Structure formats: structure tokens, C-alpha cells
Amino acid sequence: MRPGKQSSIRRVTSWHLVGAQVRHFRKRAGLTQASLAARLAVGEEAIASIEQGRRSLLLDLAIRIDELLDTGGALQVAVEKIPREERYKALAKDFFQYEQDAASVHAYETQLIPGLLQTEAYARFVFGCNYPPVEEDVIEMRVAERLGRQKLLERKPRPVLHFILEENILHTQLGVPEVMRDQLLHLRRCMDLPFVTLQ
């Protein structure tokens, strides 16, 4: 592959294979995505996303599809056999997508500033405290993902964001004093946003 040229090869995950199974069993039963979604009382987009491997198939929904399409429990087994790490990543991806689409977000924090309100330096320090330690490139990737989540603050229509923080979070010194000072100033600026409530 030439430098600067992006690969067109898509990484196939276990969720793509599960999605392909859902598509196969749905078509074998003579159902469209819309008709399967209606029978399961879920959105048609949810079925499309599962079949394309963009969304994980939750175990309870896998069992319901198995029963509806008479698959002999094939989807339940497939979901149960997906490695734990891949299941966690899919769950986190779903959570972040729900967060980006949400009309309102409510959070209660006892230990750290919420990720949506963290400065880059604060986030980098937090990820640097992992035990066992992680490589620098992993920290940078996580910081980039954290900052990417914060695009929610620029989205239109604006979401309503409500955060409750334990007071000890504001007094805990993380990293050099400048990191916490800048973080507190950032929180103060966030409080001025009309759609953000901070208690």
C-alpha cells in the first residue's frame, strides 16, 4: 500500500460473522429487516446495524431471534463464544454511540471529572495511571477517543447535560498543579454553557 493511501480492506470481526448469520436465518425465514424488526419490537436500523456488524447482538435478543426463526440456538451459541474483550469493546462502542445520539445525559461521579468535561492534560494523566501500565501509543489513542467524545458539546441540536460531582474530586491533586488548575478553569467555562448543569 502506498504511503498516504488508505486501505479499503475492512477488518472482519466476530460481530460481522454473527451479523451474517442473522441475515442468513432472516432470509431463510422469508423476512425483511423491517418485518423481523417489527416482530421483535426493535428498530429496523438496529437489525440493519447488527447484520452489518456495526452493532453487537445482545444475548437476550439473540435468544429471541433463535426462537422466532427456529435456528436451534445457533445465535445464542455464537454470541456466547465471542471473546470477552471483543464483547466489551462492542458494548463500549454501543454506549458511545448512544451517548452521541442522546437528547440528554445525566452522570454522577465520585472519583474523577466526567470524561465529557476533561481537558486533554487531565485525561492523559488519568490514562497514564493505569495499572498495569500501558504503552504511550495506547494512552494517546485513548486520549484521542476521549476528546472525540466531547464533540457532543458542539452538536446541534444541543443535548442537555447534567453532572453531579462529589466535592472531593475538586480537591484531589492530580499531576502537576497546572493540570488541575486548567481542569477547574475548564469546568467553570463549561458551567457557562446554557445546556450544561454542574452540581
C-alpha atoms as a PDB file:
ATOM      1  CA  MET A   1       0.000   0.000   0.000  1.00  0.00           C
ATOM      2  CA  ARG A   2       1.403   3.416  -0.960  1.00  0.00           C
ATOM      3  CA  PRO A   3       2.058   5.981   1.819  1.00  0.00           C
ATOM      4  CA  GLY A   4      -0.946   8.204   2.413  1.00  0.00           C
ATOM      5  CA  LYS A   5      -3.234   5.726   0.657  1.00  0.00           C
ATOM      6  CA  GLN A   6      -5.928   4.318   2.946  1.00  0.00           C
ATOM      7  CA  SER A   7      -6.639   0.621   2.833  1.00  0.00           C
ATOM      8  CA  SER A   8     -10.033  -0.392   1.514  1.00  0.00           C
ATOM      9  CA  ILE A   9      -9.809  -3.682   3.423  1.00  0.00           C
ATOM     10  CA  ARG A  10     -12.332  -3.801   6.245  1.00  0.00           C
ATOM     11  CA  ARG A  11     -11.409  -5.671   9.399  1.00  0.00           C
ATOM     12  CA  VAL A  12     -13.852  -8.541   9.857  1.00  0.00           C
ATOM     13  CA  THR A  13     -14.822  -9.048  13.496  1.00  0.00           C
ATOM     14  CA  SER A  14     -16.826 -11.728  15.253  1.00  0.00           C
ATOM     15  CA  TRP A  15     -19.780  -9.328  15.127  1.00  0.00           C
ATOM     16  CA  HIS A  16     -19.642  -9.322  11.316  1.00  0.00           C
ATOM     17  CA  LEU A  17     -19.890 -13.123  11.358  1.00  0.00           C
ATOM     18  CA  VAL A  18     -22.796 -13.058  13.822  1.00  0.00           C
ATOM     19  CA  GLY A  19     -24.468 -10.424  11.658  1.00  0.00           C
ATOM     20  CA  ALA A  20     -24.055 -12.615   8.596  1.00  0.00           C
ATOM     21  CA  GLN A  21     -25.741 -15.457  10.492  1.00  0.00           C
ATOM     22  CA  VAL A  22     -28.678 -13.204  11.442  1.00  0.00           C
ATOM     23  CA  ARG A  23     -29.045 -12.174   7.774  1.00  0.00           C
ATOM     24  CA  HIS A  24     -28.903 -15.804   6.629  1.00  0.00           C
ATOM     25  CA  PHE A  25     -31.537 -17.007   9.111  1.00  0.00           C
ATOM     26  CA  ARG A  26     -33.784 -13.982   8.412  1.00  0.00           C
ATOM     27  CA  LYS A  27     -33.693 -14.553   4.642  1.00  0.00           C
ATOM     28  CA  ARG A  28     -34.222 -18.304   5.088  1.00  0.00           C
ATOM     29  CA  ALA A  29     -37.399 -17.438   7.027  1.00  0.00           C
ATOM     30  CA  GLY A  30     -38.529 -15.147   4.190  1.00  0.00           C
ATOM     31  CA  LEU A  31     -38.471 -11.997   6.322  1.00  0.00           C
ATOM     32  CA  THR A  32     -37.287  -8.493   5.512  1.00  0.00           C
ATOM     33  CA  GLN A  33     -35.302  -6.451   8.017  1.00  0.00           C
ATOM     34  CA  ALA A  34     -38.438  -4.392   8.652  1.00  0.00           C
ATOM     35  CA  SER A  35     -40.660  -7.414   9.303  1.00  0.00           C
ATOM     36  CA  LEU A  36     -38.094  -9.028  11.635  1.00  0.00           C
ATOM     37  CA  ALA A  37     -37.704  -5.736  13.500  1.00  0.00           C
ATOM     38  CA  ALA A  38     -41.486  -5.426  13.876  1.00  0.00           C
ATOM     39  CA  ARG A  39     -41.809  -8.964  15.288  1.00  0.00           C
ATOM     40  CA  LEU A  40     -39.003  -8.282  17.786  1.00  0.00           C
ATOM     41  CA  ALA A  41     -40.298  -4.775  18.639  1.00  0.00           C
ATOM     42  CA  VAL A  42     -36.949  -3.169  17.776  1.00  0.00           C
ATOM     43  CA  GLY A  43     -35.999  -0.544  15.201  1.00  0.00           C
ATOM     44  CA  GLU A  44     -35.284  -1.608  11.632  1.00  0.00           C
ATOM     45  CA  GLU A  45     -31.959   0.264  11.857  1.00  0.00           C
ATOM     46  CA  ALA A  46     -30.986  -1.965  14.806  1.00  0.00           C
ATOM     47  CA  ILE A  47     -31.427  -5.087  12.666  1.00  0.00           C
ATOM     48  CA  ALA A  48     -29.516  -3.500   9.773  1.00  0.00           C
ATOM     49  CA  SER A  49     -26.666  -2.499  12.107  1.00  0.00           C
ATOM     50  CA  ILE A  50     -26.468  -5.990  13.626  1.00  0.00           C
ATOM     51  CA  GLU A  51     -26.418  -7.643  10.203  1.00  0.00           C
ATOM     52  CA  GLN A  52     -23.631  -5.314   9.049  1.00  0.00           C
ATOM     53  CA  GLY A  53     -21.571  -5.967  12.190  1.00  0.00           C
ATOM     54  CA  ARG A  54     -21.788  -2.331  13.287  1.00  0.00           C
ATOM     55  CA  ARG A  55     -23.697  -3.217  16.440  1.00  0.00           C
ATOM     56  CA  SER A  56     -23.336  -6.151  18.776  1.00  0.00           C
ATOM     57  CA  LEU A  57     -26.144  -8.662  19.127  1.00  0.00           C
ATOM     58  CA  LEU A  58     -27.096  -8.778  22.794  1.00  0.00           C
ATOM     59  CA  LEU A  59     -27.606 -12.241  24.247  1.00  0.00           C
ATOM     60  CA  ASP A  60     -31.273 -11.759  25.138  1.00  0.00           C
ATOM     61  CA  LEU A  61     -32.057 -10.568  21.602  1.00  0.00           C
ATOM     62  CA  ALA A  62     -30.066 -13.479  20.142  1.00  0.00           C
ATOM     63  CA  ILE A  63     -32.241 -15.901  22.135  1.00  0.00           C
ATOM     64  CA  ARG A  64     -35.429 -14.193  20.930  1.00  0.00           C
ATOM     65  CA  ILE A  65     -34.288 -14.342  17.289  1.00  0.00           C
ATOM     66  CA  ASP A  66     -33.332 -18.008  17.731  1.00  0.00           C
ATOM     67  CA  GLU A  67     -36.843 -18.767  18.986  1.00  0.00           C
ATOM     68  CA  LEU A  68     -38.568 -16.684  16.321  1.00  0.00           C
ATOM     69  CA  LEU A  69     -36.546 -18.070  13.396  1.00  0.00           C
ATOM     70  CA  ASP A  70     -36.171 -21.608  14.802  1.00  0.00           C
ATOM     71  CA  THR A  71     -32.376 -21.646  14.498  1.00  0.00           C
ATOM     72  CA  GLY A  72     -31.782 -24.312  17.130  1.00  0.00           C
ATOM     73  CA  GLY A  73     -29.960 -21.844  19.388  1.00  0.00           C
ATOM     74  CA  ALA A  74     -27.234 -21.027  16.830  1.00  0.00           C
ATOM     75  CA  LEU A  75     -27.168 -17.282  17.542  1.00  0.00           C
ATOM     76  CA  GLN A  76     -27.090 -17.754  21.310  1.00  0.00           C
ATOM     77  CA  VAL A  77     -24.075 -20.051  20.969  1.00  0.00           C
ATOM     78  CA  ALA A  78     -22.356 -17.619  18.560  1.00  0.00           C
ATOM     79  CA  VAL A  79     -22.777 -14.662  20.946  1.00  0.00           C
ATOM     80  CA  GLU A  80     -21.647 -16.693  23.958  1.00  0.00           C
ATOM     81  CA  LYS A  81     -18.478 -17.801  22.124  1.00  0.00           C
ATOM     82  CA  ILE A  82     -17.341 -14.259  21.247  1.00  0.00           C
ATOM     83  CA  PRO A  83     -14.179 -13.428  23.248  1.00  0.00           C
ATOM     84  CA  ARG A  84     -14.822 -11.345  26.348  1.00  0.00           C
ATOM     85  CA  GLU A  85     -12.554  -8.492  25.191  1.00  0.00           C
ATOM     86  CA  GLU A  86     -14.409  -8.187  21.890  1.00  0.00           C
ATOM     87  CA  ARG A  87     -17.764  -8.231  23.688  1.00  0.00           C
ATOM     88  CA  TYR A  88     -16.577  -5.407  25.977  1.00  0.00           C
ATOM     89  CA  LYS A  89     -15.344  -3.308  23.041  1.00  0.00           C
ATOM     90  CA  ALA A  90     -18.676  -3.726  21.262  1.00  0.00           C
ATOM     91  CA  LEU A  91     -20.588  -2.765  24.405  1.00  0.00           C
ATOM     92  CA  ALA A  92     -18.437   0.355  24.853  1.00  0.00           C
ATOM     93  CA  LYS A  93     -18.892   1.269  21.182  1.00  0.00           C
ATOM     94  CA  ASP A  94     -22.672   0.962  21.550  1.00  0.00           C
ATOM     95  CA  PHE A  95     -22.572   3.100  24.709  1.00  0.00           C
ATOM     96  CA  PHE A  96     -20.588   5.854  22.989  1.00  0.00           C
ATOM     97  CA  GLN A  97     -22.982   5.830  20.041  1.00  0.00           C
ATOM     98  CA  TYR A  98     -25.972   6.120  22.381  1.00  0.00           C
ATOM     99  CA  GLU A  99     -24.192   8.981  24.145  1.00  0.00           C
ATOM    100  CA  GLN A 100     -23.600  10.821  20.851  1.00  0.00           C
ATOM    101  CA  ASP A 101     -27.269  10.432  19.857  1.00  0.00           C
ATOM    102  CA  ALA A 102     -28.722  11.240  23.286  1.00  0.00           C
ATOM    103  CA  ALA A 103     -31.091  14.152  23.884  1.00  0.00           C
ATOM    104  CA  SER A 104     -29.881  14.334  27.486  1.00  0.00           C
ATOM    105  CA  VAL A 105     -27.056  12.857  29.556  1.00  0.00           C
ATOM    106  CA  HIS A 106     -27.048  12.559  33.346  1.00  0.00           C
ATOM    107  CA  ALA A 107     -23.945  11.442  35.226  1.00  0.00           C
ATOM    108  CA  TYR A 108     -22.890  11.073  38.868  1.00  0.00           C
ATOM    109  CA  GLU A 109     -19.152  10.892  39.545  1.00  0.00           C
ATOM    110  CA  THR A 110     -17.346  10.040  42.782  1.00  0.00           C
ATOM    111  CA  GLN A 111     -13.688   9.775  41.722  1.00  0.00           C
ATOM    112  CA  LEU A 112     -12.861  11.773  38.593  1.00  0.00           C
ATOM    113  CA  ILE A 113     -14.040  14.631  36.405  1.00  0.00           C
ATOM    114  CA  PRO A 114     -16.526  13.159  33.866  1.00  0.00           C
ATOM    115  CA  GLY A 115     -14.866  12.221  30.565  1.00  0.00           C
ATOM    116  CA  LEU A 116     -17.048  14.661  28.610  1.00  0.00           C
ATOM    117  CA  LEU A 117     -15.606  17.535  30.684  1.00  0.00           C
ATOM    118  CA  GLN A 118     -11.949  16.503  30.931  1.00  0.00           C
ATOM    119  CA  THR A 119      -9.108  18.557  29.490  1.00  0.00           C
ATOM    120  CA  GLU A 120      -6.549  16.793  27.325  1.00  0.00           C
ATOM    121  CA  ALA A 121      -3.854  17.017  30.029  1.00  0.00           C
ATOM    122  CA  TYR A 122      -6.197  15.668  32.737  1.00  0.00           C
ATOM    123  CA  ALA A 123      -7.283  12.761  30.518  1.00  0.00           C
ATOM    124  CA  ARG A 124      -3.668  11.957  29.638  1.00  0.00           C
ATOM    125  CA  PHE A 125      -2.708  11.882  33.322  1.00  0.00           C
ATOM    126  CA  VAL A 126      -5.667   9.619  34.188  1.00  0.00           C
ATOM    127  CA  PHE A 127      -4.848   7.126  31.422  1.00  0.00           C
ATOM    128  CA  GLY A 128      -1.190   7.254  32.450  1.00  0.00           C
ATOM    129  CA  CYS A 129      -2.160   5.944  35.914  1.00  0.00           C
ATOM    130  CA  ASN A 130      -3.359   2.580  34.565  1.00  0.00           C
ATOM    131  CA  TYR A 131      -2.065  -0.497  36.348  1.00  0.00           C
ATOM    132  CA  PRO A 132      -0.524  -2.447  34.817  1.00  0.00           C
ATOM    133  CA  PRO A 133       0.917   0.453  32.811  1.00  0.00           C
ATOM    134  CA  VAL A 134       0.042   0.747  29.139  1.00  0.00           C
ATOM    135  CA  GLU A 135       2.213   1.872  26.239  1.00  0.00           C
ATOM    136  CA  GLU A 136       2.393   5.549  25.289  1.00  0.00           C
ATOM    137  CA  ASP A 137       0.665   4.973  21.947  1.00  0.00           C
ATOM    138  CA  VAL A 138      -2.265   3.316  23.766  1.00  0.00           C
ATOM    139  CA  ILE A 139      -2.540   6.316  26.088  1.00  0.00           C
ATOM    140  CA  GLU A 140      -2.544   8.675  23.085  1.00  0.00           C
ATOM    141  CA  MET A 141      -5.236   6.598  21.361  1.00  0.00           C
ATOM    142  CA  ARG A 142      -7.420   6.682  24.482  1.00  0.00           C
ATOM    143  CA  VAL A 143      -6.929  10.428  24.915  1.00  0.00           C
ATOM    144  CA  ALA A 144      -7.925  10.981  21.282  1.00  0.00           C
ATOM    145  CA  GLU A 145     -11.052   8.850  21.768  1.00  0.00           C
ATOM    146  CA  ARG A 146     -11.942  10.744  24.936  1.00  0.00           C
ATOM    147  CA  LEU A 147     -11.584  14.109  23.185  1.00  0.00           C
ATOM    148  CA  GLY A 148     -13.585  12.739  20.265  1.00  0.00           C
ATOM    149  CA  ARG A 149     -16.491  12.018  22.613  1.00  0.00           C
ATOM    150  CA  GLN A 150     -16.504  15.698  23.567  1.00  0.00           C
ATOM    151  CA  LYS A 151     -17.781  16.648  20.104  1.00  0.00           C
ATOM    152  CA  LEU A 152     -21.137  16.037  21.751  1.00  0.00           C
ATOM    153  CA  LEU A 153     -20.752  19.515  23.280  1.00  0.00           C
ATOM    154  CA  GLU A 154     -20.713  21.048  19.782  1.00  0.00           C
ATOM    155  CA  ARG A 155     -23.575  19.015  18.346  1.00  0.00           C
ATOM    156  CA  LYS A 156     -26.776  20.648  17.177  1.00  0.00           C
ATOM    157  CA  PRO A 157     -29.395  20.302  18.451  1.00  0.00           C
ATOM    158  CA  ARG A 158     -27.618  20.651  21.772  1.00  0.00           C
ATOM    159  CA  PRO A 159     -28.064  17.828  24.289  1.00  0.00           C
ATOM    160  CA  VAL A 160     -28.983  18.642  27.886  1.00  0.00           C
ATOM    161  CA  LEU A 161     -26.059  17.592  30.110  1.00  0.00           C
ATOM    162  CA  HIS A 162     -26.382  17.278  33.872  1.00  0.00           C
ATOM    163  CA  PHE A 163     -23.417  16.260  36.052  1.00  0.00           C
ATOM    164  CA  ILE A 164     -23.246  15.704  39.811  1.00  0.00           C
ATOM    165  CA  LEU A 165     -19.704  15.521  41.230  1.00  0.00           C
ATOM    166  CA  GLU A 166     -18.555  14.567  44.704  1.00  0.00           C
ATOM    167  CA  GLU A 167     -16.758  17.593  46.147  1.00  0.00           C
ATOM    168  CA  ASN A 168     -13.580  15.598  46.871  1.00  0.00           C
ATOM    169  CA  ILE A 169     -12.964  15.429  43.083  1.00  0.00           C
ATOM    170  CA  LEU A 170     -12.352  19.177  43.041  1.00  0.00           C
ATOM    171  CA  HIS A 171      -9.806  18.991  45.879  1.00  0.00           C
ATOM    172  CA  THR A 172      -7.835  15.974  44.641  1.00  0.00           C
ATOM    173  CA  GLN A 173      -4.480  16.981  43.177  1.00  0.00           C
ATOM    174  CA  LEU A 174      -3.796  15.008  40.016  1.00  0.00           C
ATOM    175  CA  GLY A 175      -0.455  15.504  38.322  1.00  0.00           C
ATOM    176  CA  VAL A 176       1.304  18.847  38.468  1.00  0.00           C
ATOM    177  CA  PRO A 177      -0.760  21.755  39.880  1.00  0.00           C
ATOM    178  CA  GLU A 178      -1.255  23.272  36.404  1.00  0.00           C
ATOM    179  CA  VAL A 179      -3.186  20.191  35.231  1.00  0.00           C
ATOM    180  CA  MET A 180      -5.786  20.555  37.980  1.00  0.00           C
ATOM    181  CA  ARG A 181      -5.900  24.344  37.716  1.00  0.00           C
ATOM    182  CA  ASP A 182      -6.597  24.186  33.982  1.00  0.00           C
ATOM    183  CA  GLN A 183      -9.161  21.442  34.557  1.00  0.00           C
ATOM    184  CA  LEU A 184     -11.043  23.535  37.129  1.00  0.00           C
ATOM    185  CA  LEU A 185     -10.992  26.561  34.816  1.00  0.00           C
ATOM    186  CA  HIS A 186     -12.366  24.361  32.033  1.00  0.00           C
ATOM    187  CA  LEU A 187     -15.164  23.170  34.341  1.00  0.00           C
ATOM    188  CA  ARG A 188     -16.003  26.789  35.099  1.00  0.00           C
ATOM    189  CA  ARG A 189     -16.254  27.558  31.375  1.00  0.00           C
ATOM    190  CA  CYS A 190     -18.457  24.501  30.861  1.00  0.00           C
ATOM    191  CA  MET A 191     -20.805  25.740  33.586  1.00  0.00           C
ATOM    192  CA  ASP A 192     -21.459  28.842  31.477  1.00  0.00           C
ATOM    193  CA  LEU A 193     -22.848  26.740  28.649  1.00  0.00           C
ATOM    194  CA  PRO A 194     -26.662  27.041  28.749  1.00  0.00           C
ATOM    195  CA  PHE A 195     -27.208  23.316  28.208  1.00  0.00           C
ATOM    196  CA  VAL A 196     -24.767  22.125  30.932  1.00  0.00           C
ATOM    197  CA  THR A 197     -25.656  21.834  34.615  1.00  0.00           C
ATOM    198  CA  LEU A 198     -22.894  21.010  37.090  1.00  0.00           C
ATOM    199  CA  GLN A 199     -23.552  20.344  40.767  1.00  0.00           C
END
